[in-house]
Amino acid sequence: MARRLSGAVLTVRVERQQLVVYGAGSQSAKKAPARQRRLRLTPINTGIYRLSYFRHTGRWWPLPYTGTIKEMASIVASHLAPLLDWR
């Protein structure tokens, strides 16, 4: 699934029962933009997810957000959009 948010194209993939949000990476004149992990939604209960951010160190950093998919989508769009648009 791809979604455009503030000019950034996001892709969501299911990996190990988690939803991982990918965004476009740094653009090079010679290469197409690389897809980079940005956010992860991990199920913690039936229909409830915990949100994590993928840091430059290569590790996931848990954020203080939990809720339904709809609530997490709202938080991502309103509070975390700058994290998704690395250029």
N, C-alpha and C. Protein backbone atom coordinates (compact mmCIF):
# COMPACT_ATOMS: atom_id res chain seq x y z
N MET A 1 0.85 -1.16 0.00
CA MET A 1 0.00 0.00 0.00
C MET A 1 0.89 1.23 0.00
N ALA A 2 0.66 2.15 -0.90
CA ALA A 2 1.43 3.39 -0.95
C ALA A 2 0.50 4.56 -0.67
N ARG A 3 1.00 5.54 0.03
CA ARG A 3 0.19 6.71 0.40
C ARG A 3 1.07 7.94 0.33
N ARG A 4 0.56 9.03 -0.22
CA ARG A 4 1.32 10.27 -0.32
C ARG A 4 0.95 11.16 0.86
N LEU A 5 1.96 11.60 1.62
CA LEU A 5 1.78 12.47 2.77
C LEU A 5 2.77 13.61 2.68
N SER A 6 2.29 14.79 2.47
CA SER A 6 3.15 15.99 2.36
C SER A 6 4.26 15.80 1.34
N GLY A 7 3.95 15.23 0.20
CA GLY A 7 4.94 15.06 -0.85
C GLY A 7 5.78 13.81 -0.73
N ALA A 8 5.67 13.07 0.36
CA ALA A 8 6.46 11.85 0.54
C ALA A 8 5.57 10.64 0.24
N VAL A 9 6.10 9.67 -0.46
CA VAL A 9 5.37 8.44 -0.73
C VAL A 9 5.74 7.43 0.35
N LEU A 10 4.74 6.91 1.03
CA LEU A 10 4.94 5.93 2.09
C LEU A 10 4.46 4.58 1.63
N THR A 11 5.16 3.55 2.04
CA THR A 11 4.78 2.18 1.76
C THR A 11 4.70 1.44 3.09
N VAL A 12 3.65 0.65 3.26
CA VAL A 12 3.48 -0.14 4.48
C VAL A 12 3.59 -1.60 4.11
N ARG A 13 4.43 -2.33 4.84
CA ARG A 13 4.61 -3.77 4.61
C ARG A 13 4.44 -4.52 5.93
N VAL A 14 3.93 -5.73 5.83
CA VAL A 14 3.81 -6.59 7.00
C VAL A 14 5.10 -7.40 7.09
N GLU A 15 5.79 -7.29 8.22
CA GLU A 15 7.03 -8.02 8.46
C GLU A 15 6.98 -8.59 9.87
N ARG A 16 7.00 -9.91 9.98
CA ARG A 16 6.97 -10.58 11.29
C ARG A 16 5.82 -10.09 12.17
N GLN A 17 4.64 -10.05 11.61
CA GLN A 17 3.42 -9.64 12.30
C GLN A 17 3.44 -8.18 12.75
N GLN A 18 4.30 -7.39 12.17
CA GLN A 18 4.37 -5.96 12.47
C GLN A 18 4.15 -5.19 11.18
N LEU A 19 3.63 -3.97 11.29
CA LEU A 19 3.49 -3.10 10.14
C LEU A 19 4.68 -2.16 10.11
N VAL A 20 5.43 -2.18 9.02
CA VAL A 20 6.61 -1.33 8.90
C VAL A 20 6.34 -0.31 7.80
N VAL A 21 6.52 0.97 8.15
CA VAL A 21 6.29 2.07 7.22
C VAL A 21 7.63 2.47 6.61
N TYR A 22 7.68 2.46 5.28
CA TYR A 22 8.88 2.85 4.54
C TYR A 22 8.62 4.18 3.87
N GLY A 23 9.67 4.98 3.75
CA GLY A 23 9.60 6.24 3.03
C GLY A 23 10.77 6.33 2.06
N ALA A 24 10.73 7.31 1.19
CA ALA A 24 11.83 7.51 0.24
C ALA A 24 13.05 8.01 0.99
N GLY A 25 14.21 7.49 0.62
CA GLY A 25 15.45 7.92 1.25
C GLY A 25 16.06 9.08 0.49
N SER A 26 17.32 9.33 0.75
CA SER A 26 18.04 10.41 0.08
C SER A 26 18.06 10.16 -1.42
N GLN A 27 17.86 11.20 -2.18
CA GLN A 27 17.85 11.06 -3.62
C GLN A 27 19.20 11.41 -4.20
N SER A 28 19.65 10.57 -5.09
CA SER A 28 20.91 10.77 -5.78
C SER A 28 20.61 11.07 -7.25
N ALA A 29 21.45 11.84 -7.88
CA ALA A 29 21.24 12.17 -9.29
C ALA A 29 21.30 10.93 -10.17
N LYS A 30 22.07 9.91 -9.76
CA LYS A 30 22.26 8.73 -10.59
C LYS A 30 21.36 7.56 -10.19
N LYS A 31 20.79 7.61 -9.00
CA LYS A 31 20.00 6.48 -8.51
C LYS A 31 18.58 6.91 -8.16
N ALA A 32 17.68 5.94 -8.21
CA ALA A 32 16.33 6.18 -7.71
C ALA A 32 16.41 6.23 -6.19
N PRO A 33 15.49 6.93 -5.53
CA PRO A 33 15.54 7.01 -4.07
C PRO A 33 15.39 5.63 -3.43
N ALA A 34 16.19 5.38 -2.42
CA ALA A 34 16.13 4.10 -1.70
C ALA A 34 14.95 4.13 -0.74
N ARG A 35 14.35 2.97 -0.53
CA ARG A 35 13.27 2.86 0.45
C ARG A 35 13.91 2.63 1.80
N GLN A 36 13.53 3.42 2.79
CA GLN A 36 14.12 3.30 4.12
C GLN A 36 13.03 3.12 5.16
N ARG A 37 13.33 2.27 6.15
CA ARG A 37 12.38 2.06 7.25
C ARG A 37 12.25 3.35 8.04
N ARG A 38 11.02 3.67 8.43
CA ARG A 38 10.77 4.88 9.20
C ARG A 38 10.09 4.57 10.53
N LEU A 39 8.94 3.89 10.46
CA LEU A 39 8.14 3.61 11.64
C LEU A 39 7.71 2.15 11.67
N ARG A 40 7.39 1.68 12.87
CA ARG A 40 6.92 0.30 13.01
C ARG A 40 5.75 0.29 13.98
N LEU A 41 4.71 -0.45 13.63
CA LEU A 41 3.58 -0.66 14.51
C LEU A 41 3.61 -2.12 14.95
N THR A 42 3.79 -2.33 16.25
CA THR A 42 3.90 -3.67 16.82
C THR A 42 2.63 -3.97 17.62
N PRO A 43 1.96 -5.09 17.32
CA PRO A 43 0.76 -5.43 18.08
C PRO A 43 1.12 -5.76 19.53
N ILE A 44 0.41 -5.14 20.48
CA ILE A 44 0.65 -5.43 21.90
C ILE A 44 -0.58 -6.04 22.56
N ASN A 45 -1.72 -5.97 21.87
CA ASN A 45 -2.96 -6.55 22.34
C ASN A 45 -3.88 -6.63 21.13
N THR A 46 -5.02 -7.22 21.25
CA THR A 46 -5.93 -7.33 20.13
C THR A 46 -6.35 -5.94 19.64
N GLY A 47 -5.90 -5.57 18.45
CA GLY A 47 -6.26 -4.30 17.85
C GLY A 47 -5.51 -3.09 18.39
N ILE A 48 -4.54 -3.30 19.30
CA ILE A 48 -3.78 -2.20 19.89
C ILE A 48 -2.31 -2.36 19.47
N TYR A 49 -1.71 -1.25 19.04
CA TYR A 49 -0.34 -1.26 18.53
C TYR A 49 0.53 -0.25 19.27
N ARG A 50 1.84 -0.54 19.32
CA ARG A 50 2.83 0.38 19.87
C ARG A 50 3.64 0.91 18.69
N LEU A 51 3.95 2.20 18.71
CA LEU A 51 4.66 2.85 17.62
C LEU A 51 6.13 3.00 17.96
N SER A 52 7.01 2.65 17.01
CA SER A 52 8.46 2.80 17.17
C SER A 52 9.03 3.52 15.96
N TYR A 53 10.15 4.19 16.17
CA TYR A 53 10.84 4.96 15.14
C TYR A 53 12.18 4.32 14.85
N PHE A 54 12.56 4.21 13.57
CA PHE A 54 13.83 3.62 13.18
C PHE A 54 14.90 4.71 13.18
N ARG A 55 15.87 4.55 14.07
CA ARG A 55 16.92 5.57 14.23
C ARG A 55 18.08 5.35 13.26
N HIS A 56 18.90 6.37 13.12
CA HIS A 56 20.07 6.31 12.24
C HIS A 56 21.08 5.28 12.71
N THR A 57 20.98 4.85 13.96
CA THR A 57 21.90 3.85 14.51
C THR A 57 21.53 2.44 14.06
N GLY A 58 20.37 2.29 13.40
CA GLY A 58 19.93 0.98 12.95
C GLY A 58 19.07 0.25 13.98
N ARG A 59 18.64 0.96 15.01
CA ARG A 59 17.82 0.36 16.05
C ARG A 59 16.46 1.04 16.11
N TRP A 60 15.48 0.28 16.57
CA TRP A 60 14.14 0.84 16.76
C TRP A 60 14.06 1.53 18.11
N TRP A 61 13.45 2.71 18.13
CA TRP A 61 13.29 3.49 19.33
C TRP A 61 11.80 3.58 19.64
N PRO A 62 11.35 2.99 20.76
CA PRO A 62 9.91 3.02 21.08
C PRO A 62 9.44 4.44 21.38
N LEU A 63 8.33 4.80 20.81
CA LEU A 63 7.71 6.10 21.05
C LEU A 63 6.58 5.91 22.07
N PRO A 64 6.17 6.99 22.74
CA PRO A 64 5.16 6.85 23.79
C PRO A 64 3.72 6.84 23.26
N TYR A 65 3.50 6.16 22.14
CA TYR A 65 2.18 6.12 21.53
C TYR A 65 1.69 4.69 21.42
N THR A 66 0.48 4.43 21.85
CA THR A 66 -0.19 3.16 21.65
C THR A 66 -1.63 3.45 21.27
N GLY A 67 -2.25 2.55 20.52
CA GLY A 67 -3.65 2.72 20.15
C GLY A 67 -4.01 1.87 18.96
N THR A 68 -5.18 2.12 18.42
CA THR A 68 -5.65 1.39 17.25
C THR A 68 -4.92 1.88 16.00
N ILE A 69 -5.10 1.16 14.93
CA ILE A 69 -4.48 1.57 13.65
C ILE A 69 -4.94 2.98 13.28
N LYS A 70 -6.21 3.25 13.44
CA LYS A 70 -6.75 4.57 13.09
C LYS A 70 -6.11 5.66 13.95
N GLU A 71 -5.96 5.42 15.25
CA GLU A 71 -5.33 6.40 16.13
C GLU A 71 -3.87 6.60 15.78
N MET A 72 -3.17 5.51 15.46
CA MET A 72 -1.76 5.62 15.09
C MET A 72 -1.59 6.37 13.78
N ALA A 73 -2.48 6.16 12.81
CA ALA A 73 -2.42 6.89 11.54
C ALA A 73 -2.61 8.39 11.77
N SER A 74 -3.50 8.74 12.67
CA SER A 74 -3.73 10.14 13.00
C SER A 74 -2.50 10.76 13.65
N ILE A 75 -1.86 10.04 14.57
CA ILE A 75 -0.65 10.54 15.24
C ILE A 75 0.49 10.70 14.24
N VAL A 76 0.64 9.73 13.37
CA VAL A 76 1.71 9.81 12.37
C VAL A 76 1.49 11.02 11.47
N ALA A 77 0.28 11.22 11.00
CA ALA A 77 0.00 12.33 10.09
C ALA A 77 0.12 13.69 10.77
N SER A 78 -0.26 13.77 12.05
CA SER A 78 -0.26 15.07 12.71
C SER A 78 1.05 15.41 13.43
N HIS A 79 1.69 14.41 14.04
CA HIS A 79 2.87 14.69 14.86
C HIS A 79 4.19 14.20 14.28
N LEU A 80 4.15 13.16 13.47
CA LEU A 80 5.40 12.53 13.04
C LEU A 80 5.71 12.70 11.56
N ALA A 81 4.95 13.49 10.84
CA ALA A 81 5.19 13.67 9.41
C ALA A 81 6.62 14.09 9.09
N PRO A 82 7.26 15.00 9.87
CA PRO A 82 8.65 15.36 9.54
C PRO A 82 9.62 14.18 9.60
N LEU A 83 9.34 13.19 10.41
CA LEU A 83 10.22 12.01 10.49
C LEU A 83 10.13 11.15 9.24
N LEU A 84 9.06 11.28 8.50
CA LEU A 84 8.85 10.45 7.33
C LEU A 84 9.42 11.03 6.06
N ASP A 85 9.77 12.30 6.08
CA ASP A 85 10.19 12.99 4.88
C ASP A 85 11.67 13.35 4.93
N TRP A 86 12.54 12.34 5.09
CA TRP A 86 13.98 12.59 5.06
C TRP A 86 14.39 12.83 3.63
N ARG A 87 15.19 13.81 3.42
CA ARG A 87 15.71 14.06 2.05
C ARG A 87 17.16 14.40 2.13
